Amino acid sequence: MIKKLRVFFKDQNFLKLIHLVENVVSKVLSLALIAVIFVSIIELILVLFNDLFTTEPIGFLSRTLIEIFGLFLNILIALELLENITAYLKKHIVQVELVVVTALIAVARKIIIFDTSKYEKTDLMALAVASLALSISYLLIRLLNQKYDS
C-alpha cells in the first residue's frame, strides 16, 4: 500500500493527476458557461419581446436602453470568459491579454450602466481608475507581445 502511494505521489504521476483535474474542471466550467450564455440570450429575447409587444411603452421601450445594453454586455462578457477557458484548454496557459480584455469589458459595462442615484461619485472615480489601470496593462501586454512576435 505504501509503495503504491509512493508511486502515486511521484512528481510525474502527481502532475499527470493535476493536469487531468484541470482539464475536467475547465470542461465543466465551459459547459456551465455555455448554459449561462443560452439562458442569458433567452432572457434578453424575452425582455425585448415583452418591451416591444406586451407593454405600453412611453417611448420605444419601457426599460431604459442602459438596462438592455447591460444585458447585451453580460452576454459579451460570458463569451469572453468562454474564450478564456477555451484558450486555456488549447494551450494550457492563462492568456493574460484575454483576461485583461475581459476585465476591461466588465468595467466598461459597469460604467455604461452606472446609476448616479444609487452610487457615490467616488465609485465612478474608482471605475475610472480601474479602467485606466486595465488600459495601461493592456497596452503593456500588447507592446510586449509585439516585441516577442518580431
Protein backbone atom coordinates (compact mmCIF):
# COMPACT_ATOMS: atom_id res chain seq x y z
CA MET A 1 0.00 0.00 0.00
CA ILE A 2 2.79 2.44 0.90
CA LYS A 3 4.62 1.53 -2.32
CA LYS A 4 1.52 2.40 -4.33
CA LEU A 5 1.22 5.72 -2.53
CA ARG A 6 4.87 6.48 -3.21
CA VAL A 7 4.41 5.72 -6.90
CA PHE A 8 1.24 7.83 -6.96
CA PHE A 9 2.92 10.79 -5.28
CA LYS A 10 5.98 10.78 -7.53
CA ASP A 11 6.22 14.15 -9.20
CA GLN A 12 5.45 12.95 -12.72
CA ASN A 13 2.40 10.89 -11.72
CA PHE A 14 1.09 13.59 -9.43
CA LEU A 15 1.47 16.24 -12.15
CA LYS A 16 -0.48 14.00 -14.55
CA LEU A 17 -3.30 13.85 -11.99
CA ILE A 18 -3.28 17.62 -11.55
CA HIS A 19 -3.34 18.09 -15.33
CA LEU A 20 -6.31 15.71 -15.61
CA VAL A 21 -8.19 17.56 -12.85
CA GLU A 22 -7.50 20.93 -14.52
CA ASN A 23 -8.88 19.61 -17.82
CA VAL A 24 -12.01 18.20 -16.23
CA VAL A 25 -12.68 21.39 -14.27
CA SER A 26 -12.13 23.53 -17.39
CA LYS A 27 -14.54 21.43 -19.41
CA VAL A 28 -17.20 21.52 -16.69
CA LEU A 29 -16.80 25.31 -16.45
CA SER A 30 -17.13 25.58 -20.23
CA LEU A 31 -20.36 23.59 -20.25
CA ALA A 32 -21.77 25.62 -17.36
CA LEU A 33 -20.82 28.88 -19.08
CA ILE A 34 -22.46 27.75 -22.32
CA ALA A 35 -25.65 27.10 -20.34
CA VAL A 36 -25.41 30.57 -18.77
CA ILE A 37 -24.94 32.16 -22.20
CA PHE A 38 -28.01 30.45 -23.63
CA VAL A 39 -30.12 31.36 -20.59
CA SER A 40 -28.91 34.99 -20.89
CA ILE A 41 -29.84 35.07 -24.58
CA ILE A 42 -33.30 33.71 -23.79
CA GLU A 43 -33.69 36.32 -21.05
CA LEU A 44 -32.66 39.08 -23.45
CA ILE A 45 -35.12 37.87 -26.09
CA LEU A 46 -37.92 37.72 -23.50
CA VAL A 47 -37.14 41.22 -22.23
CA LEU A 48 -37.09 42.63 -25.77
CA PHE A 49 -40.28 40.79 -26.73
CA ASN A 50 -42.02 41.97 -23.56
CA ASP A 51 -40.94 45.59 -24.07
CA LEU A 52 -41.80 45.65 -27.77
CA PHE A 53 -45.08 43.76 -27.87
CA THR A 54 -46.79 43.42 -24.49
CA THR A 55 -46.32 46.69 -22.64
CA GLU A 56 -47.37 50.23 -23.36
CA PRO A 57 -44.02 51.92 -23.70
CA ILE A 58 -43.67 55.60 -23.02
CA GLY A 59 -41.04 55.88 -25.70
CA PHE A 60 -39.94 52.94 -27.79
CA LEU A 61 -39.06 50.63 -24.88
CA SER A 62 -40.33 50.57 -21.32
CA ARG A 63 -36.93 49.59 -19.95
CA THR A 64 -34.14 52.02 -20.35
CA LEU A 65 -31.70 51.37 -23.13
CA ILE A 66 -29.00 51.25 -20.49
CA GLU A 67 -30.59 48.15 -18.92
CA ILE A 68 -30.85 46.48 -22.32
CA PHE A 69 -27.24 47.35 -23.14
CA GLY A 70 -26.30 45.80 -19.79
CA LEU A 71 -27.94 42.52 -20.84
CA PHE A 72 -26.04 42.55 -24.15
CA LEU A 73 -22.76 43.26 -22.38
CA ASN A 74 -23.39 40.43 -19.90
CA ILE A 75 -23.55 38.03 -22.84
CA LEU A 76 -20.39 39.54 -24.34
CA ILE A 77 -18.54 39.12 -21.03
CA ALA A 78 -19.70 35.50 -20.81
CA LEU A 79 -18.43 34.88 -24.35
CA GLU A 80 -15.07 36.39 -23.42
CA LEU A 81 -14.88 34.13 -20.35
CA LEU A 82 -15.67 31.14 -22.57
CA GLU A 83 -12.87 32.21 -24.90
CA ASN A 84 -10.51 32.39 -21.90
CA ILE A 85 -11.40 28.84 -20.89
CA THR A 86 -11.11 27.59 -24.47
CA ALA A 87 -7.68 29.19 -24.84
CA TYR A 88 -6.62 27.54 -21.61
CA LEU A 89 -7.79 24.13 -22.84
CA LYS A 90 -5.89 24.58 -26.12
CA LYS A 91 -2.58 25.86 -24.76
CA HIS A 92 -2.76 25.04 -21.03
CA ILE A 93 -1.71 28.58 -20.15
CA VAL A 94 -3.74 31.53 -18.98
CA GLN A 95 -3.59 34.20 -21.66
CA VAL A 96 -3.24 37.41 -19.69
CA GLU A 97 -4.25 39.57 -22.66
CA LEU A 98 -7.64 37.83 -22.86
CA VAL A 99 -8.15 38.18 -19.11
CA VAL A 100 -7.37 41.91 -19.22
CA VAL A 101 -9.71 42.43 -22.20
CA THR A 102 -12.49 40.62 -20.32
CA ALA A 103 -11.89 42.79 -17.27
CA LEU A 104 -11.96 45.92 -19.45
CA ILE A 105 -15.31 44.87 -20.89
CA ALA A 106 -16.67 44.22 -17.38
CA VAL A 107 -15.53 47.64 -16.14
CA ALA A 108 -16.90 49.30 -19.28
CA ARG A 109 -20.24 47.57 -18.67
CA LYS A 110 -20.28 48.88 -15.11
CA ILE A 111 -19.55 52.41 -16.35
CA ILE A 112 -22.23 52.20 -19.05
CA ILE A 113 -24.94 51.08 -16.63
CA PHE A 114 -23.71 53.27 -13.76
CA ASP A 115 -26.69 54.68 -11.87
CA THR A 116 -25.76 58.01 -10.28
CA SER A 117 -28.73 57.81 -7.91
CA LYS A 118 -27.51 54.55 -6.35
CA TYR A 119 -23.77 55.13 -6.18
CA GLU A 120 -21.40 57.82 -4.99
CA LYS A 121 -19.13 59.87 -7.22
CA THR A 122 -16.17 58.09 -5.63
CA ASP A 123 -17.50 54.80 -7.05
CA LEU A 124 -17.37 56.28 -10.54
CA MET A 125 -13.85 57.56 -9.90
CA ALA A 126 -12.83 54.08 -8.76
CA LEU A 127 -14.20 52.65 -12.01
CA ALA A 128 -12.26 55.27 -13.94
CA VAL A 129 -9.04 54.34 -12.14
CA ALA A 130 -9.69 50.64 -12.77
CA SER A 131 -10.36 51.38 -16.43
CA LEU A 132 -7.15 53.40 -16.72
CA ALA A 133 -5.09 50.71 -14.98
CA LEU A 134 -6.53 47.96 -17.17
CA SER A 135 -5.96 50.05 -20.30
CA ILE A 136 -2.33 50.62 -19.39
CA SER A 137 -1.95 46.91 -18.61
CA TYR A 138 -3.43 46.01 -21.97
CA LEU A 139 -1.10 48.44 -23.76
CA LEU A 140 1.95 47.00 -22.00
CA ILE A 141 0.89 43.43 -22.78
CA ARG A 142 0.33 44.29 -26.45
CA LEU A 143 3.71 46.00 -26.69
CA LEU A 144 5.44 43.01 -25.09
CA ASN A 145 3.62 40.58 -27.38
CA GLN A 146 4.65 42.60 -30.45
CA LYS A 147 8.24 42.67 -29.21
CA TYR A 148 8.34 38.87 -28.82
CA ASP A 149 6.48 38.25 -32.10
CA SER A 150 9.04 40.28 -34.04
